[in-house]
Structures are given as C-alpha cells and as structure tokens.
Amino acid sequence: MIADFTPTSDQTLIVESIESVLSQELPVERLRSEGSSGGAAERAMWDKLVDLGLFGLGLAEALGGTGYGLAEEALASRALGPKGQISFC
C-alpha cells in the first residue's frame, strides 16, 4: 500500500489563502526596514487570520469551525512559519 501525500484542492486553497494574505499584509521586507513597527502590523493581522478561518480549522462545523483535521492545521502552521512572515514577539 502506498500513501498519497499529495495535498487536496482544499488543502492547497488553505495554504494559498494564508500565503496570499501574509505576502500582501506582512511582507518579510518589513522586518528589515528602519522604523519597524515593533509588532503592530502582526497584532493588527489577527482579525484577518480570524476571517480566514485559521483558528477554526480543526473545530467541528457544528461548533462554528470548518471541520478540517490535523493535516490542514499542520499545513496552515507551516504556511505561517517558514517564510518568517509572522512574529508574535
């Protein structure tokens, strides 16, 4: 038996949505600019991440979430992390 780890269309859409919002709202270049906002942009991003449904990915639909599982949460976490887009310091 061979496992297929190819992302589904839903999983691809989750990652692309997160990456799109982050690249538009929190480009990596902001970290290198003089007069960096000191995290203000990241704090302002919370509402946009909520609107994406990021915090309800693994929550059952009956409870207001999207009903996805661990795989989608892991993909979302990866999309938030490796490019240095978000810093919660």
C-alpha atoms as a PDB file:
ATOM      1  CA  MET A   1       0.000   0.000   0.000  1.00  0.00           C
ATOM      2  CA  ILE A   2       1.344   3.399  -0.990  1.00  0.00           C
ATOM      3  CA  ALA A   3       0.328   6.527   0.922  1.00  0.00           C
ATOM      4  CA  ASP A   4      -0.626   9.531  -1.166  1.00  0.00           C
ATOM      5  CA  PHE A   5       0.560  12.742   0.469  1.00  0.00           C
ATOM      6  CA  THR A   6      -0.489  15.000  -2.394  1.00  0.00           C
ATOM      7  CA  PRO A   7      -2.436  17.945  -0.931  1.00  0.00           C
ATOM      8  CA  THR A   8      -6.130  18.056  -1.755  1.00  0.00           C
ATOM      9  CA  SER A   9      -7.605  21.079  -3.501  1.00  0.00           C
ATOM     10  CA  ASP A  10      -8.975  22.285  -0.133  1.00  0.00           C
ATOM     11  CA  GLN A  11      -5.563  21.944   1.489  1.00  0.00           C
ATOM     12  CA  THR A  12      -3.909  23.814  -1.371  1.00  0.00           C
ATOM     13  CA  LEU A  13      -6.515  26.581  -1.080  1.00  0.00           C
ATOM     14  CA  ILE A  14      -5.868  26.916   2.678  1.00  0.00           C
ATOM     15  CA  VAL A  15      -2.122  27.333   2.146  1.00  0.00           C
ATOM     16  CA  GLU A  16      -2.510  29.703  -0.818  1.00  0.00           C
ATOM     17  CA  SER A  17      -5.001  31.866   1.110  1.00  0.00           C
ATOM     18  CA  ILE A  18      -2.691  32.208   4.088  1.00  0.00           C
ATOM     19  CA  GLU A  19       0.363  32.910   1.935  1.00  0.00           C
ATOM     20  CA  SER A  20      -1.535  35.498  -0.115  1.00  0.00           C
ATOM     21  CA  VAL A  21      -2.764  37.434   2.918  1.00  0.00           C
ATOM     22  CA  LEU A  22       0.646  37.324   4.573  1.00  0.00           C
ATOM     23  CA  SER A  23       2.553  38.433   1.476  1.00  0.00           C
ATOM     24  CA  GLN A  24       0.163  41.365   0.991  1.00  0.00           C
ATOM     25  CA  GLU A  25      -0.212  42.415   4.615  1.00  0.00           C
ATOM     26  CA  LEU A  26       3.045  41.321   6.270  1.00  0.00           C
ATOM     27  CA  PRO A  27       5.842  41.177   3.692  1.00  0.00           C
ATOM     28  CA  VAL A  28       9.147  39.896   5.040  1.00  0.00           C
ATOM     29  CA  GLU A  29      10.833  43.154   3.989  1.00  0.00           C
ATOM     30  CA  ARG A  30       9.051  44.926   6.864  1.00  0.00           C
ATOM     31  CA  LEU A  31      11.399  43.168   9.283  1.00  0.00           C
ATOM     32  CA  ARG A  32      14.417  44.762   7.645  1.00  0.00           C
ATOM     33  CA  SER A  33      13.092  48.278   7.340  1.00  0.00           C
ATOM     34  CA  GLU A  34      14.214  51.098   9.557  1.00  0.00           C
ATOM     35  CA  GLY A  35      11.498  52.175  11.931  1.00  0.00           C
ATOM     36  CA  SER A  36       9.969  48.713  12.090  1.00  0.00           C
ATOM     37  CA  SER A  37       6.542  48.781  13.713  1.00  0.00           C
ATOM     38  CA  GLY A  38       7.648  46.600  16.614  1.00  0.00           C
ATOM     39  CA  GLY A  39       4.896  44.053  16.070  1.00  0.00           C
ATOM     40  CA  ALA A  40       1.992  46.436  15.466  1.00  0.00           C
ATOM     41  CA  ALA A  41       1.374  45.003  11.997  1.00  0.00           C
ATOM     42  CA  GLU A  42       1.348  41.474  13.382  1.00  0.00           C
ATOM     43  CA  ARG A  43      -1.141  42.404  16.097  1.00  0.00           C
ATOM     44  CA  ALA A  44      -3.378  44.047  13.514  1.00  0.00           C
ATOM     45  CA  MET A  45      -3.282  40.850  11.463  1.00  0.00           C
ATOM     46  CA  TRP A  46      -5.271  38.806  13.995  1.00  0.00           C
ATOM     47  CA  ASP A  47      -8.650  39.895  12.567  1.00  0.00           C
ATOM     48  CA  LYS A  48      -7.587  38.907   9.051  1.00  0.00           C
ATOM     49  CA  LEU A  49      -6.437  35.495  10.278  1.00  0.00           C
ATOM     50  CA  VAL A  50      -9.764  35.046  12.068  1.00  0.00           C
ATOM     51  CA  ASP A  51     -11.602  35.994   8.856  1.00  0.00           C
ATOM     52  CA  LEU A  52      -9.625  33.313   7.012  1.00  0.00           C
ATOM     53  CA  GLY A  53     -10.975  30.794   9.493  1.00  0.00           C
ATOM     54  CA  LEU A  54      -7.472  29.896  10.598  1.00  0.00           C
ATOM     55  CA  PHE A  55      -8.357  29.406  14.247  1.00  0.00           C
ATOM     56  CA  GLY A  56     -11.323  27.161  13.493  1.00  0.00           C
ATOM     57  CA  LEU A  57      -9.707  24.744  11.049  1.00  0.00           C
ATOM     58  CA  GLY A  58      -9.862  21.770  13.411  1.00  0.00           C
ATOM     59  CA  LEU A  59     -13.080  22.773  15.117  1.00  0.00           C
ATOM     60  CA  ALA A  60     -16.250  20.875  14.182  1.00  0.00           C
ATOM     61  CA  GLU A  61     -18.643  22.684  11.874  1.00  0.00           C
ATOM     62  CA  ALA A  62     -21.401  22.318  14.479  1.00  0.00           C
ATOM     63  CA  LEU A  63     -19.264  24.455  16.772  1.00  0.00           C
ATOM     64  CA  GLY A  64     -18.565  27.153  14.172  1.00  0.00           C
ATOM     65  CA  GLY A  65     -15.359  25.736  12.725  1.00  0.00           C
ATOM     66  CA  THR A  66     -14.541  24.289   9.330  1.00  0.00           C
ATOM     67  CA  GLY A  67     -14.247  20.669  10.440  1.00  0.00           C
ATOM     68  CA  TYR A  68     -10.816  20.006   8.970  1.00  0.00           C
ATOM     69  CA  GLY A  69      -8.241  17.837  10.677  1.00  0.00           C
ATOM     70  CA  LEU A  70      -4.646  17.729  11.774  1.00  0.00           C
ATOM     71  CA  ALA A  71      -3.280  17.686   8.223  1.00  0.00           C
ATOM     72  CA  GLU A  72      -4.896  21.045   7.410  1.00  0.00           C
ATOM     73  CA  GLU A  73      -3.786  22.531  10.723  1.00  0.00           C
ATOM     74  CA  ALA A  74      -0.212  21.389  10.038  1.00  0.00           C
ATOM     75  CA  LEU A  75      -0.277  22.910   6.552  1.00  0.00           C
ATOM     76  CA  ALA A  76      -1.605  26.191   7.948  1.00  0.00           C
ATOM     77  CA  SER A  77       1.077  26.208  10.624  1.00  0.00           C
ATOM     78  CA  ARG A  78       3.742  25.591   8.014  1.00  0.00           C
ATOM     79  CA  ALA A  79       2.395  28.391   5.822  1.00  0.00           C
ATOM     80  CA  LEU A  80       2.643  30.774   8.781  1.00  0.00           C
ATOM     81  CA  GLY A  81       6.139  29.828   9.839  1.00  0.00           C
ATOM     82  CA  PRO A  82       8.922  29.004   7.427  1.00  0.00           C
ATOM     83  CA  LYS A  83       8.937  32.224   5.466  1.00  0.00           C
ATOM     84  CA  GLY A  84       9.283  34.364   8.540  1.00  0.00           C
ATOM     85  CA  GLN A  85       6.032  36.136   7.781  1.00  0.00           C
ATOM     86  CA  ILE A  86       4.696  36.321  11.316  1.00  0.00           C
ATOM     87  CA  SER A  87       6.468  37.078  14.526  1.00  0.00           C
ATOM     88  CA  PHE A  88       4.475  37.065  17.741  1.00  0.00           C
ATOM     89  CA  CYS A  89       7.266  38.501  19.859  1.00  0.00           C
END
